[in-house]
Amino acid sequence: MKLLFTLIGLIFILEGLPYLTFPEAMQRWLQQLMEMKPAQLRMVGLCAVGTGLLICYITLRTSLFN
């Protein structure tokens, strides 16, 4: 449980950094997101989930990081 809350905290830190350091650029980027088609957003989400799963698999199932 401690690891879970630590990871959630790290996610908040990583998600908040761009808004803290580059707020104007984030506003422009979010505007561009609003103009994207839903199919494009789904593809970006699918790629992000796939990349996350691959990183988790490599980290947990291989000896690459031992």
N, C-alpha and C. Protein backbone atom coordinates (compact mmCIF):
# COMPACT_ATOMS: atom_id res chain seq x y z
N MET A 1 0.82 -1.18 0.00
CA MET A 1 0.00 0.00 0.00
C MET A 1 0.88 1.26 0.00
N LYS A 2 1.98 1.19 0.72
CA LYS A 2 2.90 2.32 0.76
C LYS A 2 3.45 2.62 -0.64
N LEU A 3 3.80 1.57 -1.38
CA LEU A 3 4.30 1.74 -2.74
C LEU A 3 3.24 2.36 -3.64
N LEU A 4 2.01 1.93 -3.50
CA LEU A 4 0.92 2.47 -4.31
C LEU A 4 0.77 3.98 -4.10
N PHE A 5 0.74 4.41 -2.84
CA PHE A 5 0.59 5.84 -2.57
C PHE A 5 1.82 6.63 -2.99
N THR A 6 2.99 6.03 -2.90
CA THR A 6 4.20 6.69 -3.38
C THR A 6 4.11 6.90 -4.89
N LEU A 7 3.66 5.88 -5.61
CA LEU A 7 3.50 6.00 -7.07
C LEU A 7 2.46 7.04 -7.45
N ILE A 8 1.36 7.08 -6.71
CA ILE A 8 0.34 8.09 -6.99
C ILE A 8 0.90 9.49 -6.76
N GLY A 9 1.69 9.66 -5.70
CA GLY A 9 2.33 10.94 -5.45
C GLY A 9 3.28 11.34 -6.56
N LEU A 10 4.06 10.38 -7.05
CA LEU A 10 4.98 10.65 -8.14
C LEU A 10 4.23 11.03 -9.42
N ILE A 11 3.11 10.39 -9.66
CA ILE A 11 2.30 10.72 -10.84
C ILE A 11 1.81 12.16 -10.74
N PHE A 12 1.34 12.56 -9.56
CA PHE A 12 0.90 13.95 -9.39
C PHE A 12 2.03 14.93 -9.63
N ILE A 13 3.22 14.60 -9.14
CA ILE A 13 4.38 15.48 -9.34
C ILE A 13 4.69 15.60 -10.83
N LEU A 14 4.77 14.46 -11.52
CA LEU A 14 5.10 14.49 -12.95
C LEU A 14 4.01 15.17 -13.78
N GLU A 15 2.76 14.99 -13.39
CA GLU A 15 1.67 15.63 -14.13
C GLU A 15 1.63 17.13 -13.88
N GLY A 16 2.02 17.58 -12.70
CA GLY A 16 1.94 18.98 -12.37
C GLY A 16 3.12 19.81 -12.84
N LEU A 17 4.27 19.19 -13.07
CA LEU A 17 5.46 19.94 -13.46
C LEU A 17 5.29 20.79 -14.71
N PRO A 18 4.72 20.27 -15.79
CA PRO A 18 4.57 21.13 -16.99
C PRO A 18 3.68 22.34 -16.74
N TYR A 19 2.63 22.18 -15.93
CA TYR A 19 1.73 23.30 -15.65
C TYR A 19 2.43 24.35 -14.78
N LEU A 20 3.31 23.91 -13.90
CA LEU A 20 4.05 24.82 -13.03
C LEU A 20 5.12 25.57 -13.80
N THR A 21 5.83 24.88 -14.68
CA THR A 21 6.98 25.49 -15.35
C THR A 21 6.63 26.21 -16.65
N PHE A 22 5.63 25.71 -17.38
CA PHE A 22 5.27 26.30 -18.68
C PHE A 22 3.76 26.44 -18.82
N PRO A 23 3.12 27.29 -18.03
CA PRO A 23 1.65 27.35 -18.08
C PRO A 23 1.09 27.82 -19.43
N GLU A 24 1.76 28.78 -20.06
CA GLU A 24 1.25 29.28 -21.35
C GLU A 24 1.36 28.21 -22.43
N ALA A 25 2.46 27.49 -22.44
CA ALA A 25 2.63 26.41 -23.42
C ALA A 25 1.61 25.30 -23.19
N MET A 26 1.30 25.02 -21.93
CA MET A 26 0.31 23.98 -21.64
C MET A 26 -1.08 24.41 -22.12
N GLN A 27 -1.40 25.70 -22.00
CA GLN A 27 -2.69 26.17 -22.50
C GLN A 27 -2.79 25.99 -24.01
N ARG A 28 -1.70 26.31 -24.71
CA ARG A 28 -1.71 26.11 -26.17
C ARG A 28 -1.84 24.63 -26.51
N TRP A 29 -1.11 23.79 -25.79
CA TRP A 29 -1.15 22.35 -26.04
C TRP A 29 -2.54 21.78 -25.77
N LEU A 30 -3.17 22.23 -24.68
CA LEU A 30 -4.52 21.75 -24.38
C LEU A 30 -5.53 22.22 -25.43
N GLN A 31 -5.32 23.40 -25.97
CA GLN A 31 -6.18 23.88 -27.05
C GLN A 31 -6.04 22.98 -28.28
N GLN A 32 -4.81 22.57 -28.58
CA GLN A 32 -4.59 21.66 -29.70
C GLN A 32 -5.26 20.32 -29.45
N LEU A 33 -5.25 19.86 -28.19
CA LEU A 33 -5.93 18.60 -27.86
C LEU A 33 -7.43 18.71 -28.11
N MET A 34 -8.00 19.85 -27.78
CA MET A 34 -9.44 20.05 -27.99
C MET A 34 -9.81 19.98 -29.47
N GLU A 35 -8.87 20.31 -30.34
CA GLU A 35 -9.14 20.31 -31.77
C GLU A 35 -8.91 18.95 -32.43
N MET A 36 -8.33 18.01 -31.70
CA MET A 36 -8.07 16.69 -32.27
C MET A 36 -9.35 15.87 -32.34
N LYS A 37 -9.41 14.98 -33.30
CA LYS A 37 -10.55 14.09 -33.45
C LYS A 37 -10.48 13.00 -32.37
N PRO A 38 -11.63 12.51 -31.92
CA PRO A 38 -11.64 11.46 -30.90
C PRO A 38 -10.84 10.21 -31.29
N ALA A 39 -10.86 9.85 -32.56
CA ALA A 39 -10.10 8.67 -33.00
C ALA A 39 -8.59 8.88 -32.80
N GLN A 40 -8.12 10.11 -33.04
CA GLN A 40 -6.71 10.40 -32.83
C GLN A 40 -6.36 10.32 -31.34
N LEU A 41 -7.24 10.84 -30.48
CA LEU A 41 -7.00 10.78 -29.04
C LEU A 41 -6.99 9.33 -28.55
N ARG A 42 -7.88 8.51 -29.09
CA ARG A 42 -7.89 7.09 -28.71
C ARG A 42 -6.58 6.41 -29.09
N MET A 43 -6.07 6.74 -30.27
CA MET A 43 -4.81 6.14 -30.72
C MET A 43 -3.65 6.58 -29.82
N VAL A 44 -3.63 7.85 -29.45
CA VAL A 44 -2.59 8.33 -28.53
C VAL A 44 -2.72 7.61 -27.18
N GLY A 45 -3.94 7.48 -26.69
CA GLY A 45 -4.17 6.76 -25.43
C GLY A 45 -3.75 5.31 -25.51
N LEU A 46 -4.06 4.66 -26.63
CA LEU A 46 -3.67 3.27 -26.82
C LEU A 46 -2.16 3.12 -26.82
N CYS A 47 -1.47 4.01 -27.50
CA CYS A 47 0.00 3.98 -27.53
C CYS A 47 0.58 4.21 -26.14
N ALA A 48 -0.01 5.13 -25.38
CA ALA A 48 0.47 5.40 -24.02
C ALA A 48 0.28 4.19 -23.11
N VAL A 49 -0.88 3.56 -23.19
CA VAL A 49 -1.14 2.37 -22.39
C VAL A 49 -0.21 1.23 -22.79
N GLY A 50 -0.04 1.04 -24.08
CA GLY A 50 0.87 -0.02 -24.56
C GLY A 50 2.30 0.21 -24.11
N THR A 51 2.75 1.46 -24.19
CA THR A 51 4.10 1.78 -23.75
C THR A 51 4.25 1.55 -22.25
N GLY A 52 3.26 1.97 -21.48
CA GLY A 52 3.28 1.74 -20.03
C GLY A 52 3.32 0.27 -19.68
N LEU A 53 2.50 -0.52 -20.36
CA LEU A 53 2.50 -1.97 -20.11
C LEU A 53 3.84 -2.60 -20.47
N LEU A 54 4.42 -2.16 -21.57
CA LEU A 54 5.72 -2.69 -21.98
C LEU A 54 6.80 -2.34 -20.95
N ILE A 55 6.80 -1.11 -20.47
CA ILE A 55 7.78 -0.71 -19.46
C ILE A 55 7.60 -1.53 -18.18
N CYS A 56 6.36 -1.72 -17.75
CA CYS A 56 6.10 -2.54 -16.56
C CYS A 56 6.57 -3.97 -16.77
N TYR A 57 6.28 -4.53 -17.92
CA TYR A 57 6.69 -5.90 -18.20
C TYR A 57 8.22 -6.03 -18.18
N ILE A 58 8.89 -5.12 -18.87
CA ILE A 58 10.35 -5.17 -18.93
C ILE A 58 10.95 -5.02 -17.54
N THR A 59 10.39 -4.11 -16.76
CA THR A 59 10.90 -3.85 -15.41
C THR A 59 10.69 -5.05 -14.48
N LEU A 60 9.52 -5.66 -14.55
CA LEU A 60 9.18 -6.72 -13.59
C LEU A 60 9.61 -8.12 -14.03
N ARG A 61 9.65 -8.39 -15.33
CA ARG A 61 9.86 -9.75 -15.81
C ARG A 61 11.24 -10.04 -16.39
N THR A 62 12.05 -9.03 -16.55
CA THR A 62 13.38 -9.27 -17.08
C THR A 62 14.43 -8.88 -16.04
N SER A 63 15.63 -9.27 -16.29
CA SER A 63 16.73 -8.93 -15.37
C SER A 63 17.48 -7.71 -15.87
N LEU A 64 16.87 -6.94 -16.73
CA LEU A 64 17.52 -5.78 -17.32
C LEU A 64 17.88 -4.73 -16.26
N PHE A 65 17.05 -4.58 -15.23
CA PHE A 65 17.28 -3.54 -14.22
C PHE A 65 17.77 -4.11 -12.89
N ASN A 66 18.31 -5.30 -12.88
CA ASN A 66 18.84 -5.90 -11.64
C ASN A 66 20.28 -5.54 -11.44
